[in-house]
Every structure is written in structure tokens, then in C-alpha cells.
Amino acid sequence: MAGPTGRGGSLGAALNDLLRSQVTPRHRLSSYTAKHWHAQLSQLTGTRRGYQVLQDAGLGVTTQTLINWLSDPDYNVRRSYRDIIHTAYENAAIVPAEPIPDHVKDGQFEISGLVKTGDDERERGNRRAAPLRIDGSRGNWAALAELWLADELTDDDFEDHFIDDVIVADIGEGTDGWEFPGASYSVELR
């Protein structure tokens, strides 16, 4: 049974594509576009979650003060309060990434494309050579998970950590390390 597939120029791009098809990355809600402190405060005070985010950001004012601010967009609000409102707004606008699910970390990966270890360089996943099969459950996913949650998992970082923390953990260093010098890769998760 075929599973989800990621495709990309580099191995890291294909892996990132595959992961994004399985789990929601960190992203900004499209409804959070206000620039002025008053519009941001109005949007935040429109929901219970918004009030909580304001409180978490450290906005400690009375209900009457909020009413005064909301009733007059030209009200002279101190810079420190405007900064707190802006921080709360940005915090509410960003939805954190979902963690990498176990079915990905424990999955069987099939990598098709040019694979090199030592002097052995060949195209994998065609009629002459099976895809490179990797058991993800043997890998150490901690660094990848940390970068993913922080929204700092670049294609290059993904490739480097996948090689060092997942491929090497499953099948070893190879003849002289693993390289993926090709122009296009496909990664299937089973």
C-alpha cells in the first residue's frame, strides 16, 4: 500500500514536502492583519481567547480602562501598553506547529533519486535499483522535532539531520557517509 509522498529538488525539500502533507506547520492566521493598536485591541477583545492572550502578555488594566481605550481610537495610550497589545496580537496571530506525529517518526521511508555512499553512486527507486529504505523508528527525531516546532526546519537542515539522526541510526554510516547529490528526489512514507 503506497503512502504519502514528498517530492522536491533536494532530499531535504522532498522530506519537508512530505512532512507538511502530514502535519500542520507553524503559520499565521490570515485574519490578523490589523496594524493600529486600536484595531488590534478591538480584535483581541472580541474573543475569550483574545482576552487570555492579552492577560498572558501582561496587560493588567481595569475593564473601565479597556472601555475608554476601545471607545476612542485617538486615546493617548502609553507606549508600553501599545507594545503589550502588539505583542499579544502577534502571539494570537501565530498558530504553533503540530508536533511530528508518531506515524511519521515510526514510518518506513523509501527514497528514490541519486544516492551516494563512498564510490557507490546510483539512481535508486527505478527498475534496476530499489529505493533506499529507512526505518524511521530507529532514528533520533529530537533535533528535527525542535527545529520543526520553532519553524526553523530548512530543507538543508532537514536533509542533514535526517542523514545523521535517522539514516545513520538505521543502517549505519555507509561506506563513507551518505550523500544525495541528485537534482530531484521522491520520498514515500509507508
C-alpha atoms as a PDB file:
ATOM      1  CA  MET A   1       0.000   0.000   0.000  1.00  0.00           C
ATOM      2  CA  ALA A   2       1.506   3.322  -1.071  1.00  0.00           C
ATOM      3  CA  GLY A   3       1.661   6.092   1.474  1.00  0.00           C
ATOM      4  CA  PRO A   4       2.091   9.836   1.236  1.00  0.00           C
ATOM      5  CA  THR A   5       4.885  11.068  -0.994  1.00  0.00           C
ATOM      6  CA  GLY A   6       7.057  14.154  -0.859  1.00  0.00           C
ATOM      7  CA  ARG A   7       8.829  15.469  -3.941  1.00  0.00           C
ATOM      8  CA  GLY A   8      11.500  18.101  -4.225  1.00  0.00           C
ATOM      9  CA  GLY A   9      14.736  19.129  -5.841  1.00  0.00           C
ATOM     10  CA  SER A  10      16.848  18.188  -2.839  1.00  0.00           C
ATOM     11  CA  LEU A  11      16.258  15.347  -0.416  1.00  0.00           C
ATOM     12  CA  GLY A  12      15.517  17.966   2.271  1.00  0.00           C
ATOM     13  CA  ALA A  13      12.866  19.601   0.067  1.00  0.00           C
ATOM     14  CA  ALA A  14      11.194  16.225  -0.554  1.00  0.00           C
ATOM     15  CA  LEU A  15      11.250  15.432   3.179  1.00  0.00           C
ATOM     16  CA  ASN A  16       9.821  18.863   4.058  1.00  0.00           C
ATOM     17  CA  ASP A  17       7.091  18.400   1.442  1.00  0.00           C
ATOM     18  CA  LEU A  18       6.221  15.007   2.908  1.00  0.00           C
ATOM     19  CA  LEU A  19       6.114  16.317   6.479  1.00  0.00           C
ATOM     20  CA  ARG A  20       3.927  19.293   5.544  1.00  0.00           C
ATOM     21  CA  SER A  21       1.458  16.896   3.908  1.00  0.00           C
ATOM     22  CA  GLN A  22       1.148  15.041   7.224  1.00  0.00           C
ATOM     23  CA  VAL A  23       1.059  17.771   9.855  1.00  0.00           C
ATOM     24  CA  THR A  24       0.206  21.463  10.041  1.00  0.00           C
ATOM     25  CA  PRO A  25       3.290  23.690  10.249  1.00  0.00           C
ATOM     26  CA  ARG A  26       3.532  26.887  12.278  1.00  0.00           C
ATOM     27  CA  HIS A  27       1.577  29.572  10.448  1.00  0.00           C
ATOM     28  CA  ARG A  28      -0.038  32.967  10.759  1.00  0.00           C
ATOM     29  CA  LEU A  29      -3.822  33.294  10.725  1.00  0.00           C
ATOM     30  CA  SER A  30      -4.883  35.316   7.681  1.00  0.00           C
ATOM     31  CA  SER A  31      -7.492  37.236   9.692  1.00  0.00           C
ATOM     32  CA  TYR A  32      -4.796  39.003  11.749  1.00  0.00           C
ATOM     33  CA  THR A  33      -3.837  41.968   9.559  1.00  0.00           C
ATOM     34  CA  ALA A  34      -4.522  44.996  11.790  1.00  0.00           C
ATOM     35  CA  LYS A  35      -1.655  47.480  12.136  1.00  0.00           C
ATOM     36  CA  HIS A  36      -3.005  50.102  14.571  1.00  0.00           C
ATOM     37  CA  TRP A  37      -3.102  49.344  18.303  1.00  0.00           C
ATOM     38  CA  HIS A  38      -6.839  50.174  18.488  1.00  0.00           C
ATOM     39  CA  ALA A  39      -7.788  47.747  15.708  1.00  0.00           C
ATOM     40  CA  GLN A  40      -5.574  45.069  17.294  1.00  0.00           C
ATOM     41  CA  LEU A  41      -7.148  45.620  20.723  1.00  0.00           C
ATOM     42  CA  SER A  42     -10.654  45.555  19.226  1.00  0.00           C
ATOM     43  CA  GLN A  43      -9.965  42.232  17.536  1.00  0.00           C
ATOM     44  CA  LEU A  44      -8.390  40.717  20.657  1.00  0.00           C
ATOM     45  CA  THR A  45     -11.201  41.785  22.986  1.00  0.00           C
ATOM     46  CA  GLY A  46     -13.728  40.240  20.623  1.00  0.00           C
ATOM     47  CA  THR A  47     -12.939  36.713  21.838  1.00  0.00           C
ATOM     48  CA  ARG A  48     -12.296  34.923  25.099  1.00  0.00           C
ATOM     49  CA  ARG A  49      -9.010  33.645  23.680  1.00  0.00           C
ATOM     50  CA  GLY A  50      -8.013  37.222  22.833  1.00  0.00           C
ATOM     51  CA  TYR A  51      -8.609  38.354  26.414  1.00  0.00           C
ATOM     52  CA  GLN A  52      -6.477  35.460  27.635  1.00  0.00           C
ATOM     53  CA  VAL A  53      -3.656  36.340  25.251  1.00  0.00           C
ATOM     54  CA  LEU A  54      -3.770  39.964  26.445  1.00  0.00           C
ATOM     55  CA  GLN A  55      -3.584  38.792  30.027  1.00  0.00           C
ATOM     56  CA  ASP A  56      -0.731  36.383  29.235  1.00  0.00           C
ATOM     57  CA  ALA A  57       1.180  39.241  27.567  1.00  0.00           C
ATOM     58  CA  GLY A  58       0.927  41.253  30.780  1.00  0.00           C
ATOM     59  CA  LEU A  59      -1.830  43.774  30.066  1.00  0.00           C
ATOM     60  CA  GLY A  60      -3.113  44.475  33.564  1.00  0.00           C
ATOM     61  CA  VAL A  61      -5.693  47.236  33.212  1.00  0.00           C
ATOM     62  CA  THR A  62      -9.215  47.632  34.531  1.00  0.00           C
ATOM     63  CA  THR A  63     -12.320  46.950  32.494  1.00  0.00           C
ATOM     64  CA  GLN A  64     -13.087  50.686  32.566  1.00  0.00           C
ATOM     65  CA  THR A  65      -9.670  51.475  31.067  1.00  0.00           C
ATOM     66  CA  LEU A  66     -10.303  48.966  28.263  1.00  0.00           C
ATOM     67  CA  ILE A  67     -13.714  50.564  27.599  1.00  0.00           C
ATOM     68  CA  ASN A  68     -12.085  54.008  27.437  1.00  0.00           C
ATOM     69  CA  TRP A  69      -9.434  52.766  25.010  1.00  0.00           C
ATOM     70  CA  LEU A  70     -11.937  50.951  22.803  1.00  0.00           C
ATOM     71  CA  SER A  71     -14.313  53.912  22.642  1.00  0.00           C
ATOM     72  CA  ASP A  72     -11.658  56.303  21.257  1.00  0.00           C
ATOM     73  CA  PRO A  73      -9.044  55.247  18.697  1.00  0.00           C
ATOM     74  CA  ASP A  74      -7.174  58.510  19.373  1.00  0.00           C
ATOM     75  CA  TYR A  75      -6.950  57.880  23.115  1.00  0.00           C
ATOM     76  CA  ASN A  76      -3.426  58.565  24.384  1.00  0.00           C
ATOM     77  CA  VAL A  77      -2.309  55.061  25.363  1.00  0.00           C
ATOM     78  CA  ARG A  78       1.204  54.778  26.782  1.00  0.00           C
ATOM     79  CA  ARG A  79       3.828  53.256  24.519  1.00  0.00           C
ATOM     80  CA  SER A  80       4.417  50.352  26.926  1.00  0.00           C
ATOM     81  CA  TYR A  81       0.716  49.388  26.720  1.00  0.00           C
ATOM     82  CA  ARG A  82       0.711  49.680  22.917  1.00  0.00           C
ATOM     83  CA  ASP A  83       3.745  47.352  22.854  1.00  0.00           C
ATOM     84  CA  ILE A  84       1.920  44.817  25.038  1.00  0.00           C
ATOM     85  CA  ILE A  85      -1.156  44.983  22.791  1.00  0.00           C
ATOM     86  CA  HIS A  86       1.022  44.462  19.710  1.00  0.00           C
ATOM     87  CA  THR A  87       2.853  41.522  21.340  1.00  0.00           C
ATOM     88  CA  ALA A  88      -0.449  39.923  22.338  1.00  0.00           C
ATOM     89  CA  TYR A  89      -1.800  40.433  18.818  1.00  0.00           C
ATOM     90  CA  GLU A  90       1.229  38.751  17.246  1.00  0.00           C
ATOM     91  CA  ASN A  91       1.015  35.901  19.760  1.00  0.00           C
ATOM     92  CA  ALA A  92      -2.661  35.367  18.889  1.00  0.00           C
ATOM     93  CA  ALA A  93      -1.938  35.524  15.155  1.00  0.00           C
ATOM     94  CA  ILE A  94       0.610  32.706  15.190  1.00  0.00           C
ATOM     95  CA  VAL A  95      -0.645  29.128  15.359  1.00  0.00           C
ATOM     96  CA  PRO A  96       2.094  26.805  16.610  1.00  0.00           C
ATOM     97  CA  ALA A  97       3.120  23.794  14.556  1.00  0.00           C
ATOM     98  CA  GLU A  98       1.626  20.450  15.418  1.00  0.00           C
ATOM     99  CA  PRO A  99       4.248  18.015  16.715  1.00  0.00           C
ATOM    100  CA  ILE A 100       5.696  15.486  14.282  1.00  0.00           C
ATOM    101  CA  PRO A 101       3.313  12.538  14.627  1.00  0.00           C
ATOM    102  CA  ASP A 102       4.466   9.081  15.686  1.00  0.00           C
ATOM    103  CA  HIS A 103       3.353   7.528  12.385  1.00  0.00           C
ATOM    104  CA  VAL A 104       5.971   9.715  10.654  1.00  0.00           C
ATOM    105  CA  LYS A 105       8.751   9.091  13.194  1.00  0.00           C
ATOM    106  CA  ASP A 106       7.989   5.355  13.213  1.00  0.00           C
ATOM    107  CA  GLY A 107       7.363   5.091   9.469  1.00  0.00           C
ATOM    108  CA  GLN A 108       9.253   3.303   6.758  1.00  0.00           C
ATOM    109  CA  PHE A 109      10.787   5.776   4.287  1.00  0.00           C
ATOM    110  CA  GLU A 110      11.536   4.904   0.670  1.00  0.00           C
ATOM    111  CA  ILE A 111      13.888   7.361  -1.007  1.00  0.00           C
ATOM    112  CA  SER A 112      14.124   7.482  -4.796  1.00  0.00           C
ATOM    113  CA  GLY A 113      16.813   9.523  -6.524  1.00  0.00           C
ATOM    114  CA  LEU A 114      20.597   9.663  -6.791  1.00  0.00           C
ATOM    115  CA  VAL A 115      22.213   8.173  -3.655  1.00  0.00           C
ATOM    116  CA  LYS A 116      25.940   8.055  -2.978  1.00  0.00           C
ATOM    117  CA  THR A 117      27.977   6.339  -0.292  1.00  0.00           C
ATOM    118  CA  GLY A 118      31.711   6.099  -0.891  1.00  0.00           C
ATOM    119  CA  ASP A 119      32.322   5.138  -4.517  1.00  0.00           C
ATOM    120  CA  ASP A 120      28.823   3.657  -4.900  1.00  0.00           C
ATOM    121  CA  GLU A 121      26.643   6.238  -6.643  1.00  0.00           C
ATOM    122  CA  ARG A 122      23.411   5.139  -8.251  1.00  0.00           C
ATOM    123  CA  GLU A 123      19.869   6.105  -9.045  1.00  0.00           C
ATOM    124  CA  ARG A 124      17.546   4.418  -6.542  1.00  0.00           C
ATOM    125  CA  GLY A 125      13.857   3.620  -6.972  1.00  0.00           C
ATOM    126  CA  ASN A 126      13.880   2.512 -10.593  1.00  0.00           C
ATOM    127  CA  ARG A 127      13.801  -0.862 -12.407  1.00  0.00           C
ATOM    128  CA  ARG A 128      17.471  -1.541 -11.708  1.00  0.00           C
ATOM    129  CA  ALA A 129      17.704  -0.493  -8.045  1.00  0.00           C
ATOM    130  CA  ALA A 130      15.165  -0.499  -5.241  1.00  0.00           C
ATOM    131  CA  PRO A 131      14.553   2.706  -3.318  1.00  0.00           C
ATOM    132  CA  LEU A 132      16.721   3.342  -0.266  1.00  0.00           C
ATOM    133  CA  ARG A 133      14.596   2.007   2.596  1.00  0.00           C
ATOM    134  CA  ILE A 134      14.942   3.616   6.027  1.00  0.00           C
ATOM    135  CA  ASP A 135      13.219   2.584   9.262  1.00  0.00           C
ATOM    136  CA  GLY A 136      12.315   5.871  10.928  1.00  0.00           C
ATOM    137  CA  SER A 137      11.596   4.189  14.276  1.00  0.00           C
ATOM    138  CA  ARG A 138      15.333   3.643  14.782  1.00  0.00           C
ATOM    139  CA  GLY A 139      16.102   7.344  14.395  1.00  0.00           C
ATOM    140  CA  ASN A 140      16.574  10.120  16.902  1.00  0.00           C
ATOM    141  CA  TRP A 141      13.995  12.754  15.954  1.00  0.00           C
ATOM    142  CA  ALA A 142      14.660  15.218  18.818  1.00  0.00           C
ATOM    143  CA  ALA A 143      16.634  17.817  16.819  1.00  0.00           C
ATOM    144  CA  LEU A 144      14.262  17.599  13.849  1.00  0.00           C
ATOM    145  CA  ALA A 145      11.229  17.990  16.124  1.00  0.00           C
ATOM    146  CA  GLU A 146      12.768  21.003  17.874  1.00  0.00           C
ATOM    147  CA  LEU A 147      13.529  22.772  14.591  1.00  0.00           C
ATOM    148  CA  TRP A 148      10.066  21.930  13.230  1.00  0.00           C
ATOM    149  CA  LEU A 149       8.246  23.355  16.256  1.00  0.00           C
ATOM    150  CA  ALA A 150      10.378  26.515  16.136  1.00  0.00           C
ATOM    151  CA  ASP A 151       9.607  26.910  12.398  1.00  0.00           C
ATOM    152  CA  GLU A 152      13.335  26.777  11.655  1.00  0.00           C
ATOM    153  CA  LEU A 153      13.499  23.473   9.736  1.00  0.00           C
ATOM    154  CA  THR A 154      15.082  24.434   6.415  1.00  0.00           C
ATOM    155  CA  ASP A 155      15.465  21.917   3.600  1.00  0.00           C
ATOM    156  CA  ASP A 156      19.224  21.757   4.241  1.00  0.00           C
ATOM    157  CA  ASP A 157      18.761  21.220   7.997  1.00  0.00           C
ATOM    158  CA  PHE A 158      16.158  18.529   7.336  1.00  0.00           C
ATOM    159  CA  GLU A 159      18.492  16.686   4.975  1.00  0.00           C
ATOM    160  CA  ASP A 160      21.480  16.949   7.335  1.00  0.00           C
ATOM    161  CA  HIS A 161      19.571  15.792  10.426  1.00  0.00           C
ATOM    162  CA  PHE A 162      17.725  13.055   8.535  1.00  0.00           C
ATOM    163  CA  ILE A 163      21.042  11.665   7.328  1.00  0.00           C
ATOM    164  CA  ASP A 164      22.816  11.966  10.697  1.00  0.00           C
ATOM    165  CA  ASP A 165      19.927  11.145  13.049  1.00  0.00           C
ATOM    166  CA  VAL A 166      17.700   8.766  11.084  1.00  0.00           C
ATOM    167  CA  ILE A 167      19.573   7.109   8.194  1.00  0.00           C
ATOM    168  CA  VAL A 168      22.804   6.516  10.137  1.00  0.00           C
ATOM    169  CA  ALA A 169      20.821   5.319  13.170  1.00  0.00           C
ATOM    170  CA  ASP A 170      19.050   2.745  10.998  1.00  0.00           C
ATOM    171  CA  ILE A 171      21.651   1.458   8.521  1.00  0.00           C
ATOM    172  CA  GLY A 172      24.937   2.991   9.625  1.00  0.00           C
ATOM    173  CA  GLU A 173      27.456   5.405   8.120  1.00  0.00           C
ATOM    174  CA  GLY A 174      27.624   3.683   4.741  1.00  0.00           C
ATOM    175  CA  THR A 175      30.974   3.248   3.010  1.00  0.00           C
ATOM    176  CA  ASP A 176      31.950   6.878   3.504  1.00  0.00           C
ATOM    177  CA  GLY A 177      28.850   8.736   4.683  1.00  0.00           C
ATOM    178  CA  TRP A 178      25.646   9.386   2.781  1.00  0.00           C
ATOM    179  CA  GLU A 179      25.212  11.957   0.040  1.00  0.00           C
ATOM    180  CA  PHE A 180      22.210  12.892  -2.070  1.00  0.00           C
ATOM    181  CA  PRO A 181      23.769  14.829  -4.970  1.00  0.00           C
ATOM    182  CA  GLY A 182      20.827  14.462  -7.370  1.00  0.00           C
ATOM    183  CA  ALA A 183      18.521  17.131  -8.755  1.00  0.00           C
ATOM    184  CA  SER A 184      15.210  15.508  -7.788  1.00  0.00           C
ATOM    185  CA  TYR A 185      14.012  13.188  -5.015  1.00  0.00           C
ATOM    186  CA  SER A 186      10.862  11.386  -4.062  1.00  0.00           C
ATOM    187  CA  VAL A 187      10.262  10.174  -0.506  1.00  0.00           C
ATOM    188  CA  GLU A 188       7.403   7.815   0.270  1.00  0.00           C
ATOM    189  CA  LEU A 189       6.214   7.101   3.793  1.00  0.00           C
ATOM    190  CA  ARG A 190       4.815   3.648   4.462  1.00  0.00           C
END
